[in-house]
Amino acid sequence: MNGISPKIGYMLQRDCLLEWRTILSNTMFGLEIKGKKDKASKAYVEELLKKYDLYDFKDKYPSELSGGMRQRVALIRTLAVKPKILLLDEAFSALDYQTRIMVTNDIYTILRKEGITALVVTHDISEAISMSDRVIVLNARPGTVKDIHKIDFDMENRNPINCREKPKFSQYFNTLWKELGVDE
């Protein structure tokens, strides 16, 4: 296979929304590029906007939204093309701490509801633990796999916020902290 797989979606560190386009127009952008902008696709995007509390803002512009809302719009733009796998590259790093926690919670919930597998690249140990089923620790350059940790909170209604309240969270954190050698 040549080129970019249509089964993979990619969300960058910054939302990269086009400031001159409305929220609806921004969420349709990937579909336009793929030549798949039709009534069914628009209906799907509008459904996502409704489901994730952004429909009332569909005619607004990015400058009229909070940072967290902008990230949700960027996620919906990515989901609009119906990827099977989503790559998130430091997707929350541009947000302040409180917003970051809320957005990770929102995005975790969205990914679970939509049934999408995500590979999250982050330097935030807490974020990795709270969002993941597995954490892959990489060695320093050239970035080979050092270890893989299974994360299991064994709880109903799991989300990144309630994971942080569990005793296992600090155990996972301490293990990863030591493995990364941050305090050496």
Protein backbone atom coordinates (compact mmCIF):
# COMPACT_ATOMS: atom_id res chain seq x y z
CA MET A 1 0.00 0.00 0.00
CA ASN A 2 1.30 3.45 -0.91
CA GLY A 3 0.40 6.76 0.66
CA ILE A 4 -1.45 7.54 3.85
CA SER A 5 -3.85 4.95 5.20
CA PRO A 6 -7.46 6.17 5.40
CA LYS A 7 -7.80 4.04 8.54
CA ILE A 8 -5.49 6.33 10.54
CA GLY A 9 -6.40 9.74 11.95
CA TYR A 10 -3.81 12.16 13.32
CA MET A 11 -4.35 14.92 15.87
CA LEU A 12 -1.55 17.42 16.35
CA GLN A 13 -0.34 19.32 19.43
CA ARG A 14 -2.22 22.41 18.35
CA ASP A 15 -5.76 22.33 17.04
CA CYS A 16 -4.73 23.91 13.69
CA LEU A 17 -8.27 25.17 13.11
CA LEU A 18 -8.68 27.56 10.21
CA GLU A 19 -9.64 30.87 11.82
CA TRP A 20 -11.66 32.11 8.81
CA ARG A 21 -13.87 29.03 8.74
CA THR A 22 -16.81 28.27 11.00
CA ILE A 23 -16.69 25.33 13.39
CA LEU A 24 -18.88 23.26 11.06
CA SER A 25 -16.67 24.14 8.11
CA ASN A 26 -13.55 23.24 10.12
CA THR A 27 -14.98 19.86 11.07
CA MET A 28 -15.77 19.14 7.42
CA PHE A 29 -12.28 20.06 6.21
CA GLY A 30 -10.79 16.53 6.18
CA LEU A 31 -13.83 15.26 4.29
CA GLU A 32 -13.38 18.04 1.71
CA ILE A 33 -9.75 17.06 1.19
CA LYS A 34 -10.73 13.42 0.69
CA GLY A 35 -13.53 14.39 -1.71
CA LYS A 36 -16.12 12.90 0.64
CA LYS A 37 -18.12 15.98 1.53
CA ASP A 38 -21.72 14.89 1.00
CA LYS A 39 -25.05 14.97 2.85
CA ALA A 40 -24.36 11.76 4.76
CA SER A 41 -20.95 13.00 5.92
CA LYS A 42 -22.37 16.36 6.96
CA ALA A 43 -25.13 14.60 8.92
CA TYR A 44 -22.50 12.45 10.67
CA VAL A 45 -20.43 15.53 11.59
CA GLU A 46 -23.52 17.33 12.87
CA GLU A 47 -24.37 14.25 14.95
CA LEU A 48 -20.87 14.32 16.47
CA LEU A 49 -21.19 18.04 17.20
CA LYS A 50 -24.51 17.41 18.96
CA LYS A 51 -23.21 14.39 20.85
CA TYR A 52 -20.21 16.31 22.17
CA ASP A 53 -21.95 19.60 23.01
CA LEU A 54 -20.58 21.71 20.17
CA TYR A 55 -23.59 21.89 17.87
CA ASP A 56 -24.72 25.26 19.25
CA PHE A 57 -21.31 26.64 18.20
CA LYS A 58 -21.32 25.26 14.64
CA ASP A 59 -21.70 28.74 13.12
CA LYS A 60 -19.09 30.35 15.40
CA TYR A 61 -15.42 30.85 14.58
CA PRO A 62 -12.45 29.29 16.41
CA SER A 63 -11.56 32.58 18.12
CA GLU A 64 -14.94 32.42 19.87
CA LEU A 65 -14.19 29.09 21.59
CA SER A 66 -12.15 28.09 24.62
CA GLY A 67 -8.97 26.05 24.19
CA GLY A 68 -10.73 22.88 25.34
CA MET A 69 -13.59 23.40 22.91
CA ARG A 70 -11.12 23.98 20.09
CA GLN A 71 -9.43 20.65 20.86
CA ARG A 72 -12.80 18.87 20.79
CA VAL A 73 -13.50 20.48 17.38
CA ALA A 74 -10.09 19.24 16.17
CA LEU A 75 -10.97 15.76 17.41
CA ILE A 76 -14.35 15.82 15.65
CA ARG A 77 -12.62 16.95 12.44
CA THR A 78 -10.37 13.89 12.79
CA LEU A 79 -13.26 11.55 13.66
CA ALA A 80 -15.29 12.81 10.69
CA VAL A 81 -13.18 10.71 8.32
CA LYS A 82 -13.97 7.63 10.46
CA PRO A 83 -10.46 6.42 11.31
CA LYS A 84 -9.94 3.05 12.99
CA ILE A 85 -6.77 4.23 14.76
CA LEU A 86 -6.11 7.70 16.10
CA LEU A 87 -2.62 9.07 16.67
CA LEU A 88 -2.49 11.84 19.28
CA ASP A 89 0.85 13.65 19.35
CA GLU A 90 1.03 15.68 22.57
CA ALA A 91 -2.53 16.70 21.71
CA PHE A 92 -3.15 18.39 25.08
CA SER A 93 0.21 20.05 25.73
CA ALA A 94 -0.93 23.52 24.63
CA LEU A 95 -3.66 23.62 27.30
CA ASP A 96 -3.43 24.86 30.87
CA TYR A 97 -3.41 22.14 33.54
CA GLN A 98 -7.09 22.27 34.54
CA THR A 99 -8.32 22.45 30.94
CA ARG A 100 -5.91 19.67 30.01
CA ILE A 101 -7.42 17.31 32.59
CA MET A 102 -10.97 18.14 31.50
CA VAL A 103 -10.14 17.73 27.79
CA THR A 104 -8.33 14.42 28.33
CA ASN A 105 -11.45 13.24 30.15
CA ASP A 106 -13.68 14.42 27.27
CA ILE A 107 -11.48 12.87 24.61
CA TYR A 108 -11.11 9.60 26.52
CA THR A 109 -14.92 9.40 26.74
CA ILE A 110 -15.34 10.22 23.04
CA LEU A 111 -12.80 7.61 21.95
CA ARG A 112 -14.46 4.94 24.12
CA LYS A 113 -17.94 5.80 22.81
CA GLU A 114 -16.75 5.79 19.21
CA GLY A 115 -14.75 2.57 19.67
CA ILE A 116 -11.50 4.01 18.35
CA THR A 117 -8.04 2.77 19.29
CA ALA A 118 -5.67 5.62 20.12
CA LEU A 119 -1.91 5.85 20.36
CA VAL A 120 -1.13 8.80 22.60
CA VAL A 121 2.35 10.30 22.62
CA THR A 122 2.89 12.26 25.82
CA HIS A 123 5.60 13.26 28.28
CA ASP A 124 3.00 13.58 31.05
CA ILE A 125 3.15 10.42 33.19
CA SER A 126 -0.20 11.13 34.85
CA GLU A 127 -1.88 11.63 31.50
CA ALA A 128 -0.43 8.38 30.16
CA ILE A 129 -1.60 6.38 33.18
CA SER A 130 -5.07 7.87 33.37
CA MET A 131 -5.87 7.49 29.65
CA SER A 132 -4.22 4.20 28.82
CA ASP A 133 -4.66 0.45 28.91
CA ARG A 134 -0.93 0.15 28.24
CA VAL A 135 2.00 2.54 28.63
CA ILE A 136 5.01 1.98 26.43
CA VAL A 137 8.20 3.49 27.84
CA LEU A 138 10.85 4.39 25.29
CA ASN A 139 14.61 4.62 25.77
CA ALA A 140 16.32 7.87 24.92
CA ARG A 141 17.41 8.25 21.32
CA PRO A 142 17.02 6.26 19.13
CA GLY A 143 13.68 5.70 20.89
CA THR A 144 13.49 1.93 21.25
CA VAL A 145 10.93 0.21 23.48
CA LYS A 146 12.26 -0.10 27.01
CA ASP A 147 9.18 -1.64 28.64
CA ILE A 148 5.42 -2.03 28.30
CA HIS A 149 3.20 -1.61 31.36
CA LYS A 150 -0.37 -2.92 31.46
CA ILE A 151 -2.62 -0.39 33.19
CA ASP A 152 -5.61 -1.96 34.89
CA PHE A 153 -7.84 -0.02 37.25
CA ASP A 154 -10.57 -2.69 37.14
CA MET A 155 -13.41 -0.25 37.72
CA GLU A 156 -16.75 0.64 36.23
CA ASN A 157 -17.17 4.02 34.56
CA ARG A 158 -13.43 4.50 34.26
CA ASN A 159 -12.25 7.89 33.10
CA PRO A 160 -9.01 9.88 33.48
CA ILE A 161 -10.32 11.87 36.42
CA ASN A 162 -11.50 9.00 38.61
CA CYS A 163 -8.36 6.96 37.84
CA ARG A 164 -6.28 9.63 39.55
CA GLU A 165 -8.17 8.99 42.80
CA LYS A 166 -7.24 5.30 43.00
CA PRO A 167 -4.29 4.00 45.06
CA LYS A 168 -3.05 2.09 41.97
CA PHE A 169 -2.52 5.43 40.23
CA SER A 170 0.35 6.46 42.52
CA GLN A 171 1.82 2.94 42.29
CA TYR A 172 1.86 3.16 38.48
CA PHE A 173 3.23 6.70 38.65
CA ASN A 174 6.10 5.73 40.97
CA THR A 175 7.01 2.72 38.82
CA LEU A 176 7.11 4.81 35.63
CA TRP A 177 8.93 7.69 37.34
CA LYS A 178 11.70 5.33 38.48
CA GLU A 179 11.88 3.60 35.11
CA LEU A 180 12.30 6.91 33.33
CA GLY A 181 15.14 7.77 35.69
CA VAL A 182 13.82 11.29 36.12
CA ASP A 183 15.29 11.68 39.61
CA GLU A 184 18.78 10.42 38.72
